[in-house]
Protein backbone atom coordinates (compact mmCIF):
# COMPACT_ATOMS: atom_id res chain seq x y z
CA MET A 1 80.04 7.50 158.33
CA GLN A 2 80.93 11.14 158.83
CA LEU A 3 80.40 13.28 155.75
CA PHE A 4 81.74 16.59 157.05
CA GLN A 5 82.15 18.85 160.06
CA ALA A 6 82.32 22.60 159.53
CA SER A 7 80.85 25.91 160.62
CA THR A 8 77.46 26.99 159.33
CA ASP A 9 79.01 29.89 157.39
CA ALA A 10 81.61 27.61 155.77
CA LEU A 11 78.81 25.33 154.54
CA LEU A 12 76.46 28.06 153.39
CA LYS A 13 78.97 29.76 151.10
CA PRO A 14 79.45 26.87 148.62
CA LEU A 15 75.82 25.82 148.91
CA LEU A 16 74.52 29.28 148.01
CA THR A 17 76.90 29.34 145.05
CA VAL A 18 75.23 26.35 143.40
CA VAL A 19 71.67 26.38 144.73
CA GLY A 20 70.50 29.19 142.43
CA ILE A 21 69.89 26.82 139.49
CA VAL A 22 67.99 24.18 141.49
CA GLU A 23 64.36 24.01 140.43
CA ARG A 24 61.70 23.64 143.13
CA LYS A 25 59.48 21.54 140.87
CA THR A 26 61.05 18.99 138.57
CA THR A 27 60.07 15.69 136.98
CA MET A 28 63.38 14.23 138.21
CA PRO A 29 63.47 14.41 142.03
CA ILE A 30 67.26 14.14 142.11
CA LEU A 31 67.55 17.46 140.25
CA SER A 32 66.17 19.18 143.35
CA HIS A 33 69.20 17.84 145.22
CA VAL A 34 72.77 19.03 145.58
CA LEU A 35 75.58 16.52 145.12
CA LEU A 36 78.22 16.32 147.87
CA ARG A 37 81.37 14.58 146.69
CA LYS A 38 84.89 14.25 148.10
CA GLN A 39 87.63 15.56 145.83
CA GLY A 40 91.05 15.22 147.43
CA ASP A 41 90.96 17.13 150.70
CA LYS A 42 87.99 19.21 149.52
CA MET A 43 84.25 18.71 149.37
CA ALA A 44 82.62 19.40 145.99
CA PHE A 45 79.11 20.89 145.83
CA VAL A 46 77.36 20.28 142.50
CA ALA A 47 73.95 21.36 141.17
CA ASN A 48 72.53 20.49 137.76
CA ASP A 49 69.25 21.33 136.00
CA MET A 50 70.17 19.58 132.71
CA LEU A 51 70.87 23.00 131.15
CA ILE A 52 73.47 24.35 133.59
CA GLN A 53 75.86 22.60 135.94
CA ILE A 54 77.64 24.53 138.71
CA THR A 55 80.45 23.06 140.78
CA THR A 56 82.31 24.65 143.68
CA HIS A 57 84.48 23.39 146.55
CA ALA A 58 84.83 23.84 150.29
CA ASN A 59 88.08 23.43 152.18
CA PHE A 60 87.08 21.15 155.01
CA GLY A 61 88.38 17.64 155.41
CA VAL A 62 86.28 14.52 155.07
CA GLY A 63 86.99 10.86 155.64
CA ASP A 64 88.58 8.69 152.96
CA ASP A 65 85.64 6.28 152.90
CA VAL A 66 82.99 8.90 152.13
CA GLU A 67 80.80 8.15 149.11
CA ALA A 68 79.08 10.84 147.08
CA VAL A 69 75.52 11.53 148.20
CA THR A 70 72.77 13.94 147.25
CA VAL A 71 70.40 15.78 149.57
CA SER A 72 67.57 18.28 149.06
CA ALA A 73 69.27 21.59 148.26
CA ARG A 74 66.46 23.81 149.56
CA LYS A 75 66.01 21.89 152.81
CA LEU A 76 69.75 21.93 153.50
CA GLN A 77 69.86 25.65 152.74
CA ASP A 78 66.88 26.43 155.01
CA ILE A 79 68.35 24.37 157.86
CA LEU A 80 71.77 26.02 157.66
CA ARG A 81 70.22 29.49 157.55
CA ALA A 82 68.22 28.69 160.68
CA LEU A 83 71.29 27.54 162.65
CA PRO A 84 73.73 29.87 164.48
CA PRO A 85 76.22 31.37 161.96
CA ALA A 86 79.27 30.29 163.96
CA GLY A 87 77.82 26.92 164.98
CA GLN A 88 79.67 23.72 164.16
CA VAL A 89 77.64 21.39 161.98
CA SER A 90 78.45 17.70 161.74
CA ALA A 91 76.89 15.46 159.10
CA ASN A 92 76.76 11.68 159.08
CA VAL A 93 75.21 9.39 156.47
CA ILE A 94 73.79 6.02 157.48
CA ASP A 95 71.29 3.91 155.50
CA GLN A 96 70.59 6.66 152.96
CA LYS A 97 69.81 9.22 155.65
CA MET A 98 71.89 12.27 156.47
CA THR A 99 71.92 13.39 160.10
CA LEU A 100 72.83 17.02 160.79
CA GLN A 101 73.69 18.08 164.33
CA CYS A 102 74.49 21.58 165.62
CA SER A 103 73.99 23.41 168.93
CA GLY A 104 71.51 20.89 170.31
CA SER A 105 69.54 20.70 167.04
CA ARG A 106 69.26 17.48 165.05
CA PHE A 107 67.84 16.90 161.58
CA SER A 108 67.46 13.70 159.60
CA LEU A 109 67.17 14.03 155.82
CA GLN A 110 66.65 11.51 153.05
CA THR A 111 69.48 11.17 150.53
CA LEU A 112 69.83 9.66 147.08
CA PRO A 113 72.95 7.87 145.78
CA GLY A 114 75.56 10.15 144.25
CA LYS A 115 76.08 7.73 141.37
CA ASP A 116 72.54 8.50 140.18
CA PHE A 117 73.16 12.25 139.96
CA PRO A 118 73.20 13.39 136.28
CA SER A 119 76.23 15.15 134.88
CA LEU A 120 76.56 17.32 131.79
CA ALA A 121 78.85 15.51 129.38
CA GLU A 122 81.68 17.82 128.35
CA PRO A 123 82.68 17.99 124.68
CA GLU A 124 85.76 16.22 123.40
CA GLN A 125 87.20 19.54 122.26
CA TRP A 126 86.75 23.19 123.15
CA ASN A 127 86.96 25.29 119.98
CA HIS A 128 87.76 28.63 121.64
CA GLU A 129 89.53 29.30 124.95
CA PHE A 130 90.57 32.61 126.48
CA THR A 131 90.61 34.54 129.76
CA MET A 132 89.32 37.94 130.82
CA SER A 133 88.67 39.69 134.12
CA GLN A 134 85.51 39.12 136.13
CA GLY A 135 84.85 42.84 136.00
CA GLN A 136 84.89 42.90 132.19
CA LEU A 137 82.59 39.89 131.86
CA ARG A 138 80.23 41.29 134.47
CA ARG A 139 79.98 44.58 132.52
CA LEU A 140 79.29 42.70 129.27
CA PHE A 141 76.32 41.01 130.94
CA ASN A 142 75.12 43.83 133.18
CA MET A 143 74.95 46.53 130.53
CA ILE A 144 72.52 44.65 128.26
CA HIS A 145 70.85 41.77 130.14
CA TYR A 146 67.57 43.65 130.68
CA ALA A 147 66.90 43.62 126.91
CA MET A 148 66.69 39.81 126.71
CA ALA A 149 63.27 38.38 125.90
CA GLN A 150 61.33 36.35 128.46
CA GLN A 151 59.54 33.18 127.33
CA ASP A 152 59.37 34.40 123.74
CA ILE A 153 58.23 31.86 121.15
CA ARG A 154 61.36 32.89 119.25
CA TYR A 155 63.51 30.88 121.64
CA TYR A 156 66.80 32.35 120.36
CA LEU A 157 65.76 35.74 121.79
CA ASN A 158 65.53 34.24 125.30
CA GLY A 159 69.27 34.61 125.69
CA MET A 160 72.29 36.76 124.96
CA LEU A 161 74.44 36.77 121.86
CA LEU A 162 78.19 36.52 122.54
CA VAL A 163 80.39 37.42 119.57
CA LEU A 164 84.15 36.95 119.44
CA GLU A 165 86.36 39.02 117.19
CA PRO A 166 90.15 39.27 117.39
CA GLY A 167 90.80 41.52 120.39
CA LEU A 168 87.11 42.22 121.06
CA ILE A 169 84.05 40.59 122.64
CA HIS A 170 80.51 41.79 121.88
CA THR A 171 77.31 40.99 123.76
CA VAL A 172 73.86 41.69 122.32
CA ALA A 173 70.32 41.23 123.67
CA THR A 174 66.95 41.96 122.10
CA ASP A 175 63.28 41.17 122.65
CA GLY A 176 62.21 42.43 119.23
CA HIS A 177 61.18 45.87 120.51
CA ARG A 178 64.57 47.05 121.72
CA LEU A 179 68.18 46.00 121.32
CA ALA A 180 71.21 46.55 123.54
CA HIS A 181 74.83 46.13 122.43
CA THR A 182 78.15 46.56 124.18
CA ALA A 183 81.71 45.32 123.79
CA GLU A 184 84.95 44.95 125.72
CA VAL A 185 88.55 44.90 124.48
CA VAL A 186 90.08 41.49 125.32
CA GLU A 187 93.50 41.05 123.76
CA GLN A 188 93.56 37.31 124.40
CA VAL A 189 90.74 36.70 121.94
CA ASN A 190 92.26 35.75 118.59
CA SER A 191 89.43 33.85 116.90
CA GLU A 192 85.88 34.43 115.68
CA ALA A 193 82.72 32.84 117.04
CA SER A 194 79.06 33.63 117.67
CA VAL A 195 76.98 31.79 120.30
CA ILE A 196 73.74 32.38 122.22
CA ILE A 197 73.92 31.98 126.01
CA PRO A 198 70.62 31.06 127.74
CA ARG A 199 68.95 33.69 129.90
CA LYS A 200 69.22 31.55 133.03
CA THR A 201 72.97 31.15 132.53
CA VAL A 202 73.40 34.91 132.17
CA ASP A 203 71.37 35.48 135.36
CA GLN A 204 73.53 33.00 137.29
CA MET A 205 76.78 34.47 136.03
CA MET A 206 75.69 37.97 137.04
CA ARG A 207 74.94 36.61 140.50
CA LEU A 208 78.32 34.90 140.85
CA LEU A 209 80.72 37.40 139.24
CA ASP A 210 82.20 40.34 141.09
CA ASP A 211 83.70 43.56 139.81
CA SER A 212 87.32 42.47 140.21
CA ASP A 213 90.45 41.87 138.13
CA GLN A 214 90.42 38.14 138.94
CA GLU A 215 90.45 36.04 135.80
CA VAL A 216 87.65 34.03 134.26
CA ALA A 217 88.69 31.19 131.94
CA ILE A 218 86.10 30.81 129.16
CA SER A 219 85.85 27.79 126.87
CA ILE A 220 83.39 27.49 123.98
CA ALA A 221 82.39 24.36 122.05
CA ASP A 222 79.71 23.74 119.43
CA ALA A 223 76.93 23.28 121.99
CA GLN A 224 78.39 24.31 125.36
CA ILE A 225 80.18 27.13 127.14
CA ARG A 226 82.24 26.83 130.33
CA PHE A 227 83.25 29.51 132.84
CA ARG A 228 85.92 28.88 135.49
CA PHE A 229 86.74 31.48 138.14
CA GLY A 230 87.83 31.19 141.76
CA ASP A 231 86.42 27.91 143.09
CA VAL A 232 83.51 27.97 140.65
CA GLU A 233 82.97 26.06 137.42
CA LEU A 234 79.79 26.70 135.44
CA ILE A 235 79.01 24.67 132.32
CA SER A 236 75.98 25.55 130.22
CA LYS A 237 74.36 24.34 127.07
CA LEU A 238 74.02 26.93 124.30
CA VAL A 239 70.85 28.02 122.51
CA GLU A 240 70.51 26.87 118.93
CA GLY A 241 69.16 29.30 116.39
CA LYS A 242 70.04 32.34 114.29
CA PHE A 243 70.20 35.60 116.22
CA PRO A 244 69.10 38.80 114.42
CA ASP A 245 71.82 40.80 112.66
CA TYR A 246 72.41 43.47 115.28
CA LYS A 247 74.62 45.57 112.99
CA ARG A 248 71.68 46.18 110.66
CA VAL A 249 69.39 47.17 113.54
CA ILE A 250 71.62 49.89 115.01
CA PRO A 251 71.16 53.14 113.00
CA THR A 252 74.34 54.99 112.08
CA ASP A 253 72.92 57.91 110.09
CA TYR A 254 71.21 59.92 112.83
CA GLU A 255 72.43 63.51 112.89
CA LEU A 256 70.47 64.81 115.89
CA HIS A 257 72.27 64.04 119.18
CA LEU A 258 70.93 65.40 122.47
CA GLN A 259 72.88 65.09 125.73
CA ILE A 260 70.56 64.92 128.74
CA ASN A 261 71.22 64.65 132.47
CA ARG A 262 70.56 60.99 133.26
CA GLU A 263 69.30 61.45 136.81
CA GLU A 264 66.87 64.23 135.90
CA LEU A 265 65.48 62.25 132.96
CA LEU A 266 65.18 59.11 135.08
CA ARG A 267 63.25 60.82 137.89
CA ASN A 268 60.80 62.50 135.51
CA LEU A 269 60.17 59.26 133.61
CA GLN A 270 59.54 57.46 136.89
CA ARG A 271 56.92 60.05 137.82
CA ALA A 272 55.21 59.85 134.42
CA ALA A 273 55.18 56.05 134.59
CA ILE A 274 53.13 56.06 137.82
CA LEU A 275 49.86 56.51 135.92
CA VAL A 276 50.54 53.79 133.33
CA THR A 277 51.67 50.90 135.55
CA GLU A 278 48.49 48.98 134.68
CA ASP A 279 48.90 49.70 130.96
CA LYS A 280 50.45 46.70 129.22
CA LEU A 281 52.56 48.99 127.03
CA HIS A 282 53.43 51.47 129.84
CA SER A 283 53.07 54.12 127.15
CA ILE A 284 54.33 57.66 127.66
CA LYS A 285 54.78 60.56 125.22
CA LEU A 286 57.85 62.72 124.73
CA HIS A 287 57.44 66.13 123.13
CA PHE A 288 60.59 67.77 121.80
CA GLY A 289 60.16 71.51 121.41
CA GLU A 290 62.39 74.57 121.43
CA ASN A 291 64.75 74.14 124.39
CA LEU A 292 62.15 71.86 125.96
CA LEU A 293 61.42 68.19 126.58
CA ARG A 294 57.90 67.51 127.85
CA ILE A 295 57.11 64.03 129.24
CA SER A 296 53.42 63.15 129.57
CA SER A 297 51.26 60.13 130.32
CA SER A 298 47.56 59.35 130.58
CA ASN A 299 45.36 56.34 131.30
CA LEU A 300 41.84 55.03 130.72
CA GLU A 301 40.62 56.82 133.86
CA GLN A 302 41.49 60.11 132.11
CA GLU A 303 44.24 60.82 134.59
CA GLU A 304 47.22 62.77 133.26
CA SER A 305 50.75 63.76 134.16
CA LYS A 306 53.15 66.29 132.59
CA MET A 307 56.81 67.02 133.35
CA GLU A 308 59.11 69.50 131.64
CA LEU A 309 62.89 69.58 131.31
CA THR A 310 65.08 72.21 129.72
CA LEU A 311 66.90 70.89 126.66
CA ASP A 312 69.28 72.26 124.07
CA TYR A 313 67.04 71.58 121.06
CA GLN A 314 66.39 74.01 118.22
CA GLY A 315 64.78 71.70 115.63
CA THR A 316 61.23 71.18 114.46
CA PRO A 317 58.88 70.22 117.33
CA PHE A 318 57.67 66.62 117.27
CA ASP A 319 56.08 63.97 119.50
CA ILE A 320 57.18 60.37 119.97
CA GLY A 321 55.83 57.58 122.19
CA PHE A 322 57.71 54.89 124.13
CA ASN A 323 57.27 52.07 126.57
CA ALA A 324 58.44 53.76 129.77
CA THR A 325 59.94 50.54 131.10
CA TYR A 326 62.32 50.31 128.15
CA LEU A 327 63.71 53.76 128.89
CA LEU A 328 63.85 53.23 132.65
CA ASP A 329 65.80 49.99 132.23
CA VAL A 330 68.70 51.61 130.43
CA LEU A 331 68.74 54.72 132.63
CA ASN A 332 68.85 52.59 135.77
CA MET A 333 71.72 50.55 134.35
CA ALA A 334 73.83 53.53 133.31
CA LYS A 335 75.86 55.18 136.06
CA THR A 336 76.99 58.13 133.95
CA GLU A 337 76.10 61.75 134.64
CA SER A 338 74.41 62.09 131.26
CA VAL A 339 73.15 60.03 128.32
CA ILE A 340 73.11 60.82 124.61
CA ILE A 341 69.84 60.40 122.70
CA SER A 342 70.20 60.20 118.93
CA LEU A 343 67.10 60.53 116.74
CA LYS A 344 65.74 61.59 113.38
CA GLY A 345 63.14 64.01 114.68
CA GLU A 346 60.26 61.81 113.51
CA SER A 347 57.53 60.11 115.53
CA ASN A 348 57.91 56.75 113.77
CA SER A 349 61.71 56.34 113.91
CA SER A 350 63.66 54.46 116.56
CA VAL A 351 66.01 56.28 118.92
CA VAL A 352 69.52 55.30 119.95
CA ILE A 353 70.74 55.86 123.50
CA SER A 354 74.49 55.87 124.05
CA LEU A 355 76.85 56.84 126.86
CA PRO A 356 79.54 59.53 126.86
CA ASN A 357 83.09 58.15 126.52
CA ASN A 358 81.78 54.68 125.58
CA GLU A 359 82.12 53.97 121.87
CA HIS A 360 80.67 50.45 122.11
CA PHE A 361 77.38 50.79 124.00
CA ARG A 362 74.25 51.31 121.91
CA TYR A 363 70.61 50.90 122.96
CA VAL A 364 67.96 51.00 120.22
CA VAL A 365 64.30 51.47 121.16
CA MET A 366 61.35 51.24 118.77
CA PRO A 367 58.63 53.88 119.28
CA LEU A 368 54.96 53.30 120.06
CA ARG A 369 52.05 54.66 118.06
CA ILE A 370 50.64 57.75 119.72
């Protein structure tokens, strides 16, 4: 029976939307597959890794007698990418094999029954539901995602905290050495909630969202979160655990605030970091002196680097050490002309990096011993 007939580009778009969560190695072979299922006059593409489920649709007609089937997501993707972009691809399924034909090429792939494909069970009730623009949600993720932990034994750090307050949404990420916080005004939010979104879910949402005014419908339950936008539906399990109290971590009593050109600081930090790429801590030293910021680095081979920037600073000179990567991450994210560095003027106190004309963004970095 014929499963579909469409151009290569028309097939690749929905497939690439869902294939990002498919694991190459899994104990359940069917999880390496994508589900193809008829829904009305559309074809649904579904991927599931038991943590996240992504569904999208393609507008090409299929026969009424088509049953849902699954096929290897990576093989189908590689085949479609190798075919001519404007080529017409026809797919037929007979005896659990899918035959793809296009421009004189023919492929035969094994399938598994669609009825065996796992599905994330949705909750009976969503506790919180609201909408916001894709651009707003993308900013909430993009401005802090780099501060999430990776494979930390404290599993609740391997994700992003999402906090609802009436009229406001906060996102927070930390790996224990740094913390990033931002917020967006969303008038539709009229309830309070606090949930932890897994790192993989955040990564997928950043891949799928664009910087537009199109709406995202967000639903939150006790153990799941759902995002619906365009033709995409993403459902994810939430991380259990107690996230650190970010309000206590962000200092509010710093009186020394230095505004520095972001691009100039970024380029000098990148140069200083060259010599410490093999250092696990990527340690560099900042010296604040009279109208001067000196950035220096050294390694076990006794190689050294020094850069100097002019700075409007009249306080007591002091040195402070940092992981260069932590500073580079935030400077690469920010697109502002300058950044504001708030500090106590001590070598053992954290610093806070904020952005001009943004009252919500705060980035706290713990110093290194120097």
